[in-house]
Amino acid sequence: MKRRDFSAAAVVAAISGPALVAPARAQAHKPESGADYFTLSSPAAVEAPVGSIEVVEFFWYNCPHCNAFEPALQAWVERLPKDVVVRRVPVGFRDEFVPQQRMFYTLRAMGLLDKLHAKVFAAIHADDVDLSRGPGIIAWVAQQGVDKARFTELFTSPAIHAAARQATGLQDAYHVEGVPALGVAGRFYTDGSIATSMRRAIQIVDYLVAEVRAGR
């Protein structure tokens, strides 16, 4: 979904649109900078250890494209080589995105992302649960058997606020304009609009990972 376009009409178009369907014009060819992906003019920060290649997935829990992309992304992650590290980053295009950023980083701090990340998507897109604000987030998380007091303490802490700000900073460093989107090694960026589909975006990321591994 494109940045700054979050109207109801845009959501309907996103669900029914072609972002996750490879169009006929997408031919097999060597990906090219400026056409299939962008090369950053200034490197973005990476967290992966030396010797690893970081891939960043930028997402928004409320985005229907991100929800639809999640199973394909997870299947891809499970077959990645050991030197590739995937880092999920919730975007903060506007202030109302921040509560979900804080939810993500609180769950990560509590070691609960593997258990609840997919359930957040399901709650929003399948069960129509409103997880856009703090009270609703805290209530839903408590229903999942999470320690409500501990979650609330972390959710409102300076450390989690700082993590959300850092996520927005990385989003800006990669010049993210829509989600889902993928960054590679702090150097390259692609998304469904640039690559013509998220399926092809993954193929482009595979190519870029191989380029980084080869020292190019």
N, C-alpha and C. Protein backbone atom coordinates (compact mmCIF):
# COMPACT_ATOMS: atom_id res chain seq x y z
N MET A 1 0.84 -1.19 0.00
CA MET A 1 0.00 0.00 0.00
C MET A 1 0.87 1.24 0.00
N LYS A 2 0.53 2.23 -0.83
CA LYS A 2 1.37 3.40 -0.95
C LYS A 2 1.26 4.28 0.27
N ARG A 3 2.36 4.96 0.55
CA ARG A 3 2.44 5.83 1.71
C ARG A 3 1.47 6.99 1.58
N ARG A 4 0.88 7.36 2.69
CA ARG A 4 -0.03 8.50 2.81
C ARG A 4 -1.35 8.29 2.08
N ASP A 5 -1.66 7.05 1.68
CA ASP A 5 -2.95 6.77 1.05
C ASP A 5 -3.64 5.65 1.83
N PHE A 6 -4.38 6.02 2.88
CA PHE A 6 -4.95 5.03 3.77
C PHE A 6 -6.47 5.22 3.90
N SER A 7 -7.11 5.71 2.83
CA SER A 7 -8.57 5.85 2.84
C SER A 7 -9.21 4.48 2.70
N ALA A 8 -10.52 4.42 2.99
CA ALA A 8 -11.24 3.15 2.85
C ALA A 8 -11.19 2.67 1.40
N ALA A 9 -11.32 3.60 0.45
CA ALA A 9 -11.26 3.22 -0.96
C ALA A 9 -9.91 2.63 -1.31
N ALA A 10 -8.86 3.19 -0.72
CA ALA A 10 -7.51 2.68 -1.00
C ALA A 10 -7.34 1.28 -0.47
N VAL A 11 -7.94 1.00 0.69
CA VAL A 11 -7.84 -0.35 1.25
C VAL A 11 -8.55 -1.36 0.36
N VAL A 12 -9.75 -1.01 -0.13
CA VAL A 12 -10.47 -1.91 -1.02
C VAL A 12 -9.67 -2.16 -2.29
N ALA A 13 -9.09 -1.10 -2.85
CA ALA A 13 -8.28 -1.25 -4.05
C ALA A 13 -7.06 -2.11 -3.79
N ALA A 14 -6.49 -1.97 -2.60
CA ALA A 14 -5.31 -2.76 -2.26
C ALA A 14 -5.63 -4.23 -2.21
N ILE A 15 -6.81 -4.56 -1.68
CA ILE A 15 -7.18 -5.97 -1.55
C ILE A 15 -7.44 -6.58 -2.93
N SER A 16 -8.09 -5.81 -3.80
CA SER A 16 -8.49 -6.36 -5.09
C SER A 16 -7.48 -6.09 -6.18
N GLY A 17 -6.48 -5.27 -5.91
CA GLY A 17 -5.51 -4.86 -6.91
C GLY A 17 -4.47 -5.91 -7.21
N PRO A 18 -3.49 -5.59 -8.11
CA PRO A 18 -2.56 -6.59 -8.62
C PRO A 18 -1.24 -6.66 -7.90
N ALA A 19 -1.11 -6.05 -6.73
CA ALA A 19 0.21 -5.91 -6.14
C ALA A 19 0.87 -7.25 -5.85
N LEU A 20 0.07 -8.30 -5.59
CA LEU A 20 0.66 -9.59 -5.27
C LEU A 20 0.51 -10.59 -6.42
N VAL A 21 0.11 -10.10 -7.58
CA VAL A 21 -0.04 -10.97 -8.74
C VAL A 21 0.97 -10.56 -9.78
N ALA A 22 1.81 -11.46 -10.23
CA ALA A 22 2.83 -11.13 -11.22
C ALA A 22 2.17 -10.85 -12.57
N PRO A 23 2.32 -9.63 -13.11
CA PRO A 23 1.71 -9.31 -14.40
C PRO A 23 2.48 -9.96 -15.55
N ALA A 24 1.84 -10.03 -16.71
CA ALA A 24 2.44 -10.70 -17.86
C ALA A 24 3.72 -10.01 -18.33
N ARG A 25 3.81 -8.70 -18.08
CA ARG A 25 4.97 -7.98 -18.57
C ARG A 25 6.23 -8.26 -17.77
N ALA A 26 6.10 -8.94 -16.60
CA ALA A 26 7.27 -9.23 -15.79
C ALA A 26 8.03 -10.40 -16.41
N GLN A 27 9.11 -10.10 -17.11
CA GLN A 27 9.90 -11.12 -17.78
C GLN A 27 11.12 -11.47 -16.94
N ALA A 28 11.63 -12.68 -17.16
CA ALA A 28 12.83 -13.11 -16.45
C ALA A 28 14.03 -12.39 -17.04
N HIS A 29 14.65 -11.54 -16.26
CA HIS A 29 15.85 -10.85 -16.70
C HIS A 29 16.65 -10.44 -15.49
N LYS A 30 17.89 -10.11 -15.69
CA LYS A 30 18.74 -9.67 -14.60
C LYS A 30 18.20 -8.37 -14.04
N PRO A 31 17.93 -8.31 -12.75
CA PRO A 31 17.40 -7.08 -12.16
C PRO A 31 18.38 -5.91 -12.36
N GLU A 32 17.82 -4.75 -12.58
CA GLU A 32 18.62 -3.56 -12.84
C GLU A 32 18.32 -2.47 -11.82
N SER A 33 19.38 -1.83 -11.33
CA SER A 33 19.22 -0.71 -10.41
C SER A 33 18.53 0.44 -11.12
N GLY A 34 17.55 1.02 -10.45
CA GLY A 34 16.79 2.11 -11.04
C GLY A 34 15.54 1.65 -11.75
N ALA A 35 15.47 0.35 -12.04
CA ALA A 35 14.28 -0.20 -12.70
C ALA A 35 13.59 -1.22 -11.82
N ASP A 36 14.34 -2.18 -11.28
CA ASP A 36 13.77 -3.25 -10.47
C ASP A 36 14.03 -3.05 -8.97
N TYR A 37 15.01 -2.25 -8.66
CA TYR A 37 15.34 -1.91 -7.28
C TYR A 37 16.09 -0.59 -7.29
N PHE A 38 16.21 0.02 -6.14
CA PHE A 38 16.98 1.25 -6.01
C PHE A 38 18.21 1.00 -5.16
N THR A 39 19.30 1.66 -5.52
CA THR A 39 20.52 1.64 -4.72
C THR A 39 20.55 2.91 -3.89
N LEU A 40 20.66 2.77 -2.57
CA LEU A 40 20.63 3.94 -1.70
C LEU A 40 21.86 4.81 -1.91
N SER A 41 21.67 6.11 -1.92
CA SER A 41 22.80 7.03 -2.07
C SER A 41 23.65 7.06 -0.80
N SER A 42 23.00 6.83 0.35
CA SER A 42 23.71 6.76 1.63
C SER A 42 23.30 5.46 2.32
N PRO A 43 24.25 4.66 2.78
CA PRO A 43 23.91 3.38 3.41
C PRO A 43 23.03 3.57 4.64
N ALA A 44 22.10 2.64 4.82
CA ALA A 44 21.25 2.62 6.02
C ALA A 44 21.90 1.74 7.07
N ALA A 45 21.54 1.95 8.32
CA ALA A 45 22.10 1.17 9.42
C ALA A 45 21.64 -0.28 9.34
N VAL A 46 22.52 -1.19 9.73
CA VAL A 46 22.17 -2.61 9.79
C VAL A 46 22.44 -3.13 11.21
N GLU A 47 21.70 -4.14 11.60
CA GLU A 47 21.87 -4.77 12.91
C GLU A 47 22.53 -6.14 12.81
N ALA A 48 22.54 -6.73 11.63
CA ALA A 48 23.07 -8.08 11.46
C ALA A 48 24.56 -8.12 11.79
N PRO A 49 25.02 -9.20 12.38
CA PRO A 49 26.44 -9.32 12.72
C PRO A 49 27.32 -9.39 11.48
N VAL A 50 28.59 -9.09 11.66
CA VAL A 50 29.55 -9.17 10.56
C VAL A 50 29.54 -10.57 9.97
N GLY A 51 29.55 -10.66 8.65
CA GLY A 51 29.50 -11.95 8.00
C GLY A 51 28.09 -12.38 7.61
N SER A 52 27.09 -11.61 8.07
CA SER A 52 25.70 -11.88 7.71
C SER A 52 25.18 -10.81 6.77
N ILE A 53 24.12 -11.14 6.06
CA ILE A 53 23.48 -10.21 5.13
C ILE A 53 22.08 -9.93 5.64
N GLU A 54 21.80 -8.68 5.92
CA GLU A 54 20.51 -8.31 6.50
C GLU A 54 19.49 -7.98 5.42
N VAL A 55 18.32 -8.58 5.55
CA VAL A 55 17.16 -8.23 4.73
C VAL A 55 16.10 -7.66 5.66
N VAL A 56 15.60 -6.49 5.33
CA VAL A 56 14.59 -5.81 6.15
C VAL A 56 13.24 -5.90 5.46
N GLU A 57 12.24 -6.35 6.20
CA GLU A 57 10.86 -6.28 5.70
C GLU A 57 10.16 -5.14 6.42
N PHE A 58 9.73 -4.15 5.66
CA PHE A 58 8.94 -3.04 6.20
C PHE A 58 7.47 -3.39 6.04
N PHE A 59 6.69 -3.23 7.10
CA PHE A 59 5.29 -3.65 7.07
C PHE A 59 4.45 -2.77 7.98
N TRP A 60 3.15 -2.92 7.83
CA TRP A 60 2.16 -2.29 8.72
C TRP A 60 1.09 -3.33 8.98
N TYR A 61 0.78 -3.58 10.23
CA TYR A 61 -0.17 -4.64 10.55
C TYR A 61 -1.53 -4.43 9.87
N ASN A 62 -1.97 -3.19 9.71
CA ASN A 62 -3.28 -2.94 9.12
C ASN A 62 -3.30 -3.05 7.60
N CYS A 63 -2.14 -3.16 6.98
CA CYS A 63 -2.06 -3.19 5.52
C CYS A 63 -2.51 -4.54 4.97
N PRO A 64 -3.51 -4.58 4.09
CA PRO A 64 -3.96 -5.85 3.53
C PRO A 64 -2.90 -6.52 2.67
N HIS A 65 -2.07 -5.73 1.99
CA HIS A 65 -0.98 -6.31 1.20
C HIS A 65 0.02 -7.04 2.12
N CYS A 66 0.34 -6.43 3.25
CA CYS A 66 1.28 -7.04 4.19
C CYS A 66 0.71 -8.34 4.75
N ASN A 67 -0.58 -8.34 5.05
CA ASN A 67 -1.24 -9.53 5.54
C ASN A 67 -1.18 -10.64 4.49
N ALA A 68 -1.46 -10.29 3.24
CA ALA A 68 -1.44 -11.28 2.16
C ALA A 68 -0.03 -11.79 1.88
N PHE A 69 0.97 -10.94 2.08
CA PHE A 69 2.36 -11.29 1.80
C PHE A 69 2.98 -12.16 2.89
N GLU A 70 2.43 -12.10 4.09
CA GLU A 70 3.05 -12.76 5.24
C GLU A 70 3.32 -14.25 5.04
N PRO A 71 2.38 -15.05 4.53
CA PRO A 71 2.68 -16.49 4.35
C PRO A 71 3.82 -16.74 3.38
N ALA A 72 3.86 -15.99 2.27
CA ALA A 72 4.93 -16.15 1.29
C ALA A 72 6.27 -15.73 1.89
N LEU A 73 6.25 -14.65 2.64
CA LEU A 73 7.47 -14.19 3.29
C LEU A 73 7.99 -15.23 4.27
N GLN A 74 7.10 -15.78 5.09
CA GLN A 74 7.51 -16.76 6.09
C GLN A 74 8.08 -18.02 5.43
N ALA A 75 7.46 -18.46 4.34
CA ALA A 75 7.97 -19.63 3.62
C ALA A 75 9.36 -19.36 3.06
N TRP A 76 9.56 -18.15 2.57
CA TRP A 76 10.87 -17.76 2.03
C TRP A 76 11.91 -17.70 3.14
N VAL A 77 11.54 -17.13 4.28
CA VAL A 77 12.46 -17.01 5.41
C VAL A 77 12.93 -18.39 5.86
N GLU A 78 12.04 -19.35 5.85
CA GLU A 78 12.38 -20.68 6.35
C GLU A 78 13.38 -21.42 5.47
N ARG A 79 13.55 -20.98 4.23
CA ARG A 79 14.51 -21.67 3.37
C ARG A 79 15.75 -20.82 3.05
N LEU A 80 15.93 -19.72 3.77
CA LEU A 80 17.08 -18.85 3.53
C LEU A 80 18.38 -19.50 4.02
N PRO A 81 19.50 -19.19 3.38
CA PRO A 81 20.80 -19.64 3.88
C PRO A 81 21.07 -19.03 5.26
N LYS A 82 21.96 -19.67 5.99
CA LYS A 82 22.22 -19.25 7.36
C LYS A 82 22.86 -17.86 7.46
N ASP A 83 23.47 -17.38 6.38
CA ASP A 83 24.12 -16.07 6.46
C ASP A 83 23.17 -14.90 6.18
N VAL A 84 21.90 -15.20 5.94
CA VAL A 84 20.90 -14.15 5.71
C VAL A 84 20.04 -13.98 6.95
N VAL A 85 19.97 -12.75 7.43
CA VAL A 85 19.20 -12.43 8.64
C VAL A 85 18.05 -11.50 8.26
N VAL A 86 16.83 -11.90 8.57
CA VAL A 86 15.66 -11.07 8.25
C VAL A 86 15.27 -10.24 9.47
N ARG A 87 15.08 -8.99 9.25
CA ARG A 87 14.71 -8.03 10.29
C ARG A 87 13.37 -7.40 9.91
N ARG A 88 12.37 -7.60 10.73
CA ARG A 88 11.06 -7.00 10.48
C ARG A 88 11.01 -5.61 11.10
N VAL A 89 10.50 -4.65 10.35
CA VAL A 89 10.44 -3.27 10.84
C VAL A 89 9.05 -2.70 10.57
N PRO A 90 8.28 -2.39 11.61
CA PRO A 90 6.97 -1.76 11.43
C PRO A 90 7.13 -0.28 11.07
N VAL A 91 6.45 0.16 10.03
CA VAL A 91 6.60 1.53 9.57
C VAL A 91 5.81 2.50 10.45
N GLY A 92 6.22 3.76 10.38
CA GLY A 92 5.54 4.82 11.12
C GLY A 92 5.29 6.02 10.22
N PHE A 93 4.53 5.80 9.15
CA PHE A 93 4.28 6.87 8.19
C PHE A 93 3.58 8.07 8.83
N ARG A 94 2.71 7.78 9.80
CA ARG A 94 1.99 8.86 10.49
C ARG A 94 1.94 8.53 11.97
N ASP A 95 1.55 9.51 12.78
CA ASP A 95 1.56 9.33 14.24
C ASP A 95 0.68 8.17 14.68
N GLU A 96 -0.43 7.93 13.97
CA GLU A 96 -1.34 6.87 14.39
C GLU A 96 -0.77 5.47 14.16
N PHE A 97 0.36 5.38 13.48
CA PHE A 97 1.02 4.09 13.30
C PHE A 97 1.86 3.70 14.52
N VAL A 98 2.18 4.67 15.35
CA VAL A 98 3.14 4.44 16.43
C VAL A 98 2.68 3.39 17.44
N PRO A 99 1.40 3.35 17.85
CA PRO A 99 1.00 2.29 18.81
C PRO A 99 1.32 0.88 18.32
N GLN A 100 1.13 0.62 17.04
CA GLN A 100 1.45 -0.71 16.53
C GLN A 100 2.96 -0.93 16.46
N GLN A 101 3.73 0.11 16.20
CA GLN A 101 5.18 -0.04 16.30
C GLN A 101 5.57 -0.45 17.71
N ARG A 102 4.99 0.24 18.69
CA ARG A 102 5.30 -0.07 20.08
C ARG A 102 4.83 -1.47 20.47
N MET A 103 3.67 -1.90 19.94
CA MET A 103 3.22 -3.27 20.19
C MET A 103 4.25 -4.26 19.68
N PHE A 104 4.72 -4.07 18.46
CA PHE A 104 5.70 -4.99 17.87
C PHE A 104 6.95 -5.09 18.74
N TYR A 105 7.50 -3.95 19.13
CA TYR A 105 8.75 -3.97 19.89
C TYR A 105 8.55 -4.45 21.32
N THR A 106 7.36 -4.26 21.87
CA THR A 106 7.09 -4.82 23.19
C THR A 106 7.00 -6.34 23.12
N LEU A 107 6.31 -6.85 22.11
CA LEU A 107 6.24 -8.30 21.93
C LEU A 107 7.63 -8.89 21.70
N ARG A 108 8.45 -8.17 20.94
CA ARG A 108 9.81 -8.66 20.70
C ARG A 108 10.60 -8.69 21.99
N ALA A 109 10.48 -7.64 22.80
CA ALA A 109 11.21 -7.57 24.07
C ALA A 109 10.79 -8.69 25.02
N MET A 110 9.54 -9.12 24.91
CA MET A 110 9.02 -10.18 25.78
C MET A 110 9.21 -11.58 25.19
N GLY A 111 9.85 -11.66 24.01
CA GLY A 111 10.07 -12.94 23.37
C GLY A 111 8.80 -13.59 22.83
N LEU A 112 7.83 -12.76 22.43
CA LEU A 112 6.52 -13.28 22.04
C LEU A 112 6.21 -13.09 20.55
N LEU A 113 7.16 -12.60 19.77
CA LEU A 113 6.87 -12.34 18.37
C LEU A 113 6.54 -13.62 17.60
N ASP A 114 7.32 -14.66 17.81
CA ASP A 114 7.05 -15.91 17.09
C ASP A 114 5.65 -16.43 17.39
N LYS A 115 5.19 -16.21 18.60
CA LYS A 115 3.89 -16.72 19.01
C LYS A 115 2.74 -15.84 18.51
N LEU A 116 2.94 -14.52 18.48
CA LEU A 116 1.81 -13.61 18.28
C LEU A 116 1.85 -12.77 17.01
N HIS A 117 2.96 -12.72 16.31
CA HIS A 117 3.05 -11.86 15.12
C HIS A 117 1.94 -12.19 14.11
N ALA A 118 1.83 -13.45 13.73
CA ALA A 118 0.79 -13.85 12.77
C ALA A 118 -0.61 -13.67 13.34
N LYS A 119 -0.74 -13.85 14.66
CA LYS A 119 -2.05 -13.68 15.29
C LYS A 119 -2.51 -12.23 15.27
N VAL A 120 -1.58 -11.29 15.28
CA VAL A 120 -1.96 -9.87 15.17
C VAL A 120 -2.59 -9.63 13.81
N PHE A 121 -1.95 -10.12 12.75
CA PHE A 121 -2.53 -9.99 11.41
C PHE A 121 -3.92 -10.62 11.36
N ALA A 122 -4.05 -11.82 11.91
CA ALA A 122 -5.34 -12.51 11.86
C ALA A 122 -6.41 -11.76 12.65
N ALA A 123 -6.04 -11.22 13.80
CA ALA A 123 -7.01 -10.48 14.60
C ALA A 123 -7.57 -9.29 13.83
N ILE A 124 -6.69 -8.59 13.12
CA ILE A 124 -7.09 -7.38 12.39
C ILE A 124 -7.87 -7.73 11.13
N HIS A 125 -7.34 -8.66 10.32
CA HIS A 125 -7.87 -8.89 8.98
C HIS A 125 -8.93 -9.99 8.92
N ALA A 126 -8.91 -10.92 9.87
CA ALA A 126 -9.91 -11.98 9.87
C ALA A 126 -11.01 -11.75 10.91
N ASP A 127 -10.60 -11.21 12.06
CA ASP A 127 -11.55 -11.06 13.17
C ASP A 127 -12.03 -9.62 13.36
N ASP A 128 -11.50 -8.69 12.56
CA ASP A 128 -11.93 -7.28 12.60
C ASP A 128 -11.73 -6.66 13.98
N VAL A 129 -10.62 -6.99 14.63
CA VAL A 129 -10.28 -6.40 15.93
C VAL A 129 -9.54 -5.08 15.69
N ASP A 130 -9.92 -4.05 16.41
CA ASP A 130 -9.27 -2.75 16.29
C ASP A 130 -8.01 -2.74 17.18
N LEU A 131 -6.85 -2.81 16.54
CA LEU A 131 -5.59 -2.76 17.26
C LEU A 131 -4.80 -1.52 16.86
N SER A 132 -5.50 -0.42 16.72
CA SER A 132 -4.86 0.82 16.29
C SER A 132 -4.44 1.72 17.45
N ARG A 133 -4.96 1.45 18.67
CA ARG A 133 -4.68 2.32 19.81
C ARG A 133 -4.22 1.49 21.01
N GLY A 134 -3.54 2.15 21.91
CA GLY A 134 -2.97 1.49 23.07
C GLY A 134 -3.94 0.66 23.88
N PRO A 135 -5.09 1.20 24.32
CA PRO A 135 -6.00 0.41 25.15
C PRO A 135 -6.47 -0.87 24.48
N GLY A 136 -6.81 -0.78 23.18
CA GLY A 136 -7.25 -1.97 22.45
C GLY A 136 -6.14 -2.99 22.31
N ILE A 137 -4.92 -2.51 22.08
CA ILE A 137 -3.77 -3.40 21.97
C ILE A 137 -3.53 -4.13 23.29
N ILE A 138 -3.52 -3.38 24.38
CA ILE A 138 -3.25 -3.97 25.69
C ILE A 138 -4.32 -5.00 26.05
N ALA A 139 -5.59 -4.67 25.77
CA ALA A 139 -6.68 -5.60 26.08
C ALA A 139 -6.55 -6.88 25.26
N TRP A 140 -6.24 -6.75 23.97
CA TRP A 140 -6.13 -7.94 23.13
C TRP A 140 -4.94 -8.80 23.55
N VAL A 141 -3.81 -8.17 23.82
CA VAL A 141 -2.63 -8.92 24.23
C VAL A 141 -2.90 -9.69 25.52
N ALA A 142 -3.61 -9.07 26.46
CA ALA A 142 -3.94 -9.74 27.72
C ALA A 142 -4.83 -10.96 27.45
N GLN A 143 -5.71 -10.88 26.46
CA GLN A 143 -6.57 -12.01 26.09
C GLN A 143 -5.77 -13.18 25.54
N GLN A 144 -4.55 -12.91 25.09
CA GLN A 144 -3.68 -13.98 24.57
C GLN A 144 -2.88 -14.66 25.68
N GLY A 145 -3.18 -14.29 26.93
CA GLY A 145 -2.50 -14.91 28.06
C GLY A 145 -1.19 -14.24 28.44
N VAL A 146 -0.96 -13.04 27.93
CA VAL A 146 0.26 -12.30 28.23
C VAL A 146 0.08 -11.52 29.52
N ASP A 147 1.13 -11.41 30.30
CA ASP A 147 1.11 -10.63 31.55
C ASP A 147 0.79 -9.17 31.21
N LYS A 148 -0.43 -8.74 31.55
CA LYS A 148 -0.90 -7.41 31.17
C LYS A 148 -0.05 -6.31 31.80
N ALA A 149 0.28 -6.45 33.07
CA ALA A 149 1.05 -5.42 33.76
C ALA A 149 2.44 -5.27 33.14
N ARG A 150 3.09 -6.40 32.88
CA ARG A 150 4.43 -6.35 32.29
C ARG A 150 4.39 -5.77 30.89
N PHE A 151 3.39 -6.19 30.09
CA PHE A 151 3.27 -5.66 28.74
C PHE A 151 3.05 -4.15 28.78
N THR A 152 2.15 -3.69 29.64
CA THR A 152 1.86 -2.26 29.73
C THR A 152 3.09 -1.47 30.16
N GLU A 153 3.82 -2.01 31.10
CA GLU A 153 5.05 -1.35 31.57
C GLU A 153 6.04 -1.15 30.42
N LEU A 154 6.24 -2.20 29.64
CA LEU A 154 7.18 -2.09 28.52
C LEU A 154 6.60 -1.22 27.40
N PHE A 155 5.33 -1.40 27.10
CA PHE A 155 4.66 -0.68 26.01
C PHE A 155 4.79 0.83 26.17
N THR A 156 4.78 1.29 27.41
CA THR A 156 4.84 2.74 27.69
C THR A 156 6.25 3.20 28.07
N SER A 157 7.24 2.34 27.96
CA SER A 157 8.58 2.66 28.43
C SER A 157 9.36 3.50 27.42
N PRO A 158 10.34 4.27 27.91
CA PRO A 158 11.19 5.04 26.99
C PRO A 158 11.93 4.17 26.00
N ALA A 159 12.33 2.98 26.40
CA ALA A 159 13.07 2.10 25.49
C ALA A 159 12.23 1.70 24.29
N ILE A 160 10.96 1.41 24.51
CA ILE A 160 10.08 1.01 23.40
C ILE A 160 9.75 2.22 22.52
N HIS A 161 9.57 3.37 23.12
CA HIS A 161 9.38 4.59 22.31
C HIS A 161 10.60 4.83 21.44
N ALA A 162 11.80 4.62 21.99
CA ALA A 162 13.03 4.82 21.23
C ALA A 162 13.13 3.82 20.08
N ALA A 163 12.71 2.57 20.32
CA ALA A 163 12.73 1.56 19.27
C ALA A 163 11.80 1.95 18.12
N ALA A 164 10.64 2.50 18.46
CA ALA A 164 9.70 2.95 17.42
C ALA A 164 10.29 4.09 16.61
N ARG A 165 10.95 5.02 17.28
CA ARG A 165 11.59 6.13 16.56
C ARG A 165 12.70 5.62 15.65
N GLN A 166 13.45 4.64 16.12
CA GLN A 166 14.52 4.06 15.32
C GLN A 166 13.96 3.38 14.07
N ALA A 167 12.82 2.70 14.23
CA ALA A 167 12.17 2.06 13.08
C ALA A 167 11.78 3.08 12.03
N THR A 168 11.21 4.20 12.48
CA THR A 168 10.82 5.25 11.54
C THR A 168 12.04 5.84 10.87
N GLY A 169 13.13 5.97 11.62
CA GLY A 169 14.36 6.47 11.04
C GLY A 169 14.90 5.55 9.96
N LEU A 170 14.83 4.24 10.18
CA LEU A 170 15.29 3.29 9.17
C LEU A 170 14.39 3.32 7.94
N GLN A 171 13.10 3.42 8.18
CA GLN A 171 12.14 3.56 7.08
C GLN A 171 12.51 4.76 6.21
N ASP A 172 12.85 5.87 6.83
CA ASP A 172 13.20 7.07 6.09
C ASP A 172 14.55 6.92 5.38
N ALA A 173 15.48 6.21 6.02
CA ALA A 173 16.79 5.99 5.41
C ALA A 173 16.66 5.17 4.13
N TYR A 174 15.70 4.24 4.11
CA TYR A 174 15.47 3.43 2.92
C TYR A 174 14.50 4.10 1.93
N HIS A 175 13.95 5.25 2.31
CA HIS A 175 13.01 6.00 1.46
C HIS A 175 11.78 5.15 1.12
N VAL A 176 11.25 4.48 2.13
CA VAL A 176 10.09 3.61 1.93
C VAL A 176 8.87 4.46 1.59
N GLU A 177 8.21 4.10 0.51
CA GLU A 177 7.02 4.82 0.08
C GLU A 177 5.76 3.98 0.15
N GLY A 178 5.88 2.71 0.39
CA GLY A 178 4.72 1.83 0.49
C GLY A 178 5.12 0.51 1.12
N VAL A 179 4.14 -0.22 1.62
CA VAL A 179 4.42 -1.51 2.24
C VAL A 179 3.50 -2.58 1.64
N PRO A 180 3.98 -3.85 1.63
CA PRO A 180 5.27 -4.32 2.14
C PRO A 180 6.42 -3.89 1.24
N ALA A 181 7.60 -3.78 1.83
CA ALA A 181 8.80 -3.40 1.10
C ALA A 181 9.98 -4.14 1.69
N LEU A 182 11.05 -4.23 0.91
CA LEU A 182 12.22 -5.00 1.33
C LEU A 182 13.50 -4.21 1.11
N GLY A 183 14.36 -4.23 2.11
CA GLY A 183 15.67 -3.61 2.02
C GLY A 183 16.75 -4.67 2.17
N VAL A 184 17.89 -4.45 1.55
CA VAL A 184 18.97 -5.44 1.58
C VAL A 184 20.29 -4.78 1.96
N ALA A 185 20.87 -5.25 3.05
CA ALA A 185 22.23 -4.90 3.46
C ALA A 185 22.47 -3.40 3.63
N GLY A 186 21.40 -2.66 3.91
CA GLY A 186 21.55 -1.22 4.06
C GLY A 186 21.87 -0.51 2.77
N ARG A 187 21.75 -1.19 1.64
CA ARG A 187 22.18 -0.64 0.35
C ARG A 187 21.12 -0.61 -0.73
N PHE A 188 20.17 -1.55 -0.68
CA PHE A 188 19.23 -1.70 -1.78
C PHE A 188 17.79 -1.75 -1.26
N TYR A 189 16.86 -1.34 -2.13
CA TYR A 189 15.44 -1.27 -1.75
C TYR A 189 14.57 -1.67 -2.93
N THR A 190 13.52 -2.46 -2.64
CA THR A 190 12.51 -2.75 -3.65
C THR A 190 11.17 -2.96 -2.96
N ASP A 191 10.10 -2.89 -3.75
CA ASP A 191 8.76 -3.17 -3.23
C ASP A 191 7.89 -3.67 -4.37
N GLY A 192 6.61 -3.91 -4.09
CA GLY A 192 5.73 -4.47 -5.10
C GLY A 192 5.51 -3.59 -6.30
N SER A 193 5.52 -2.28 -6.09
CA SER A 193 5.33 -1.36 -7.21
C SER A 193 6.55 -1.34 -8.13
N ILE A 194 7.72 -1.32 -7.54
CA ILE A 194 8.96 -1.28 -8.32
C ILE A 194 9.19 -2.61 -9.04
N ALA A 195 9.01 -3.71 -8.31
CA ALA A 195 9.32 -5.03 -8.85
C ALA A 195 8.19 -5.62 -9.69
N THR A 196 7.02 -5.01 -9.66
CA THR A 196 5.78 -5.40 -10.33
C THR A 196 4.96 -6.42 -9.54
N SER A 197 5.53 -7.07 -8.55
CA SER A 197 4.80 -7.93 -7.63
C SER A 197 5.71 -8.25 -6.46
N MET A 198 5.13 -8.65 -5.33
CA MET A 198 5.97 -9.03 -4.20
C MET A 198 6.64 -10.37 -4.45
N ARG A 199 6.03 -11.23 -5.25
CA ARG A 199 6.70 -12.48 -5.61
C ARG A 199 8.01 -12.19 -6.34
N ARG A 200 7.96 -11.25 -7.26
CA ARG A 200 9.18 -10.91 -7.99
C ARG A 200 10.13 -10.11 -7.10
N ALA A 201 9.60 -9.33 -6.16
CA ALA A 201 10.46 -8.60 -5.23
C ALA A 201 11.34 -9.57 -4.45
N ILE A 202 10.80 -10.72 -4.05
CA ILE A 202 11.59 -11.73 -3.36
C ILE A 202 12.70 -12.26 -4.27
N GLN A 203 12.38 -12.47 -5.54
CA GLN A 203 13.39 -12.93 -6.49
C GLN A 203 14.51 -11.90 -6.64
N ILE A 204 14.13 -10.64 -6.66
CA ILE A 204 15.12 -9.57 -6.75
C ILE A 204 15.99 -9.53 -5.51
N VAL A 205 15.38 -9.72 -4.35
CA VAL A 205 16.15 -9.76 -3.11
C VAL A 205 17.12 -10.94 -3.12
N ASP A 206 16.72 -12.09 -3.63
CA ASP A 206 17.63 -13.22 -3.75
C ASP A 206 18.84 -12.85 -4.60
N TYR A 207 18.58 -12.15 -5.70
CA TYR A 207 19.67 -11.69 -6.58
C TYR A 207 20.60 -10.73 -5.84
N LEU A 208 20.01 -9.77 -5.10
CA LEU A 208 20.81 -8.77 -4.40
C LEU A 208 21.63 -9.41 -3.27
N VAL A 209 21.05 -10.38 -2.59
CA VAL A 209 21.79 -11.10 -1.55
C VAL A 209 23.01 -11.78 -2.16
N ALA A 210 22.83 -12.40 -3.32
CA ALA A 210 23.96 -13.07 -3.98
C ALA A 210 25.02 -12.05 -4.39
N GLU A 211 24.60 -10.87 -4.81
CA GLU A 211 25.54 -9.81 -5.18
C GLU A 211 26.34 -9.36 -3.97
N VAL A 212 25.67 -9.16 -2.85
CA VAL A 212 26.36 -8.76 -1.62
C VAL A 212 27.32 -9.84 -1.18
N ARG A 213 26.88 -11.09 -1.24
CA ARG A 213 27.73 -12.20 -0.82
C ARG A 213 28.99 -12.28 -1.68
N ALA A 214 28.85 -11.92 -2.95
CA ALA A 214 29.99 -11.96 -3.88
C ALA A 214 30.87 -10.72 -3.78
N GLY A 215 30.49 -9.79 -2.90
CA GLY A 215 31.29 -8.60 -2.71
C GLY A 215 31.04 -7.51 -3.73
N ARG A 216 29.90 -7.61 -4.44
CA ARG A 216 29.60 -6.59 -5.43
C ARG A 216 28.58 -5.58 -4.89
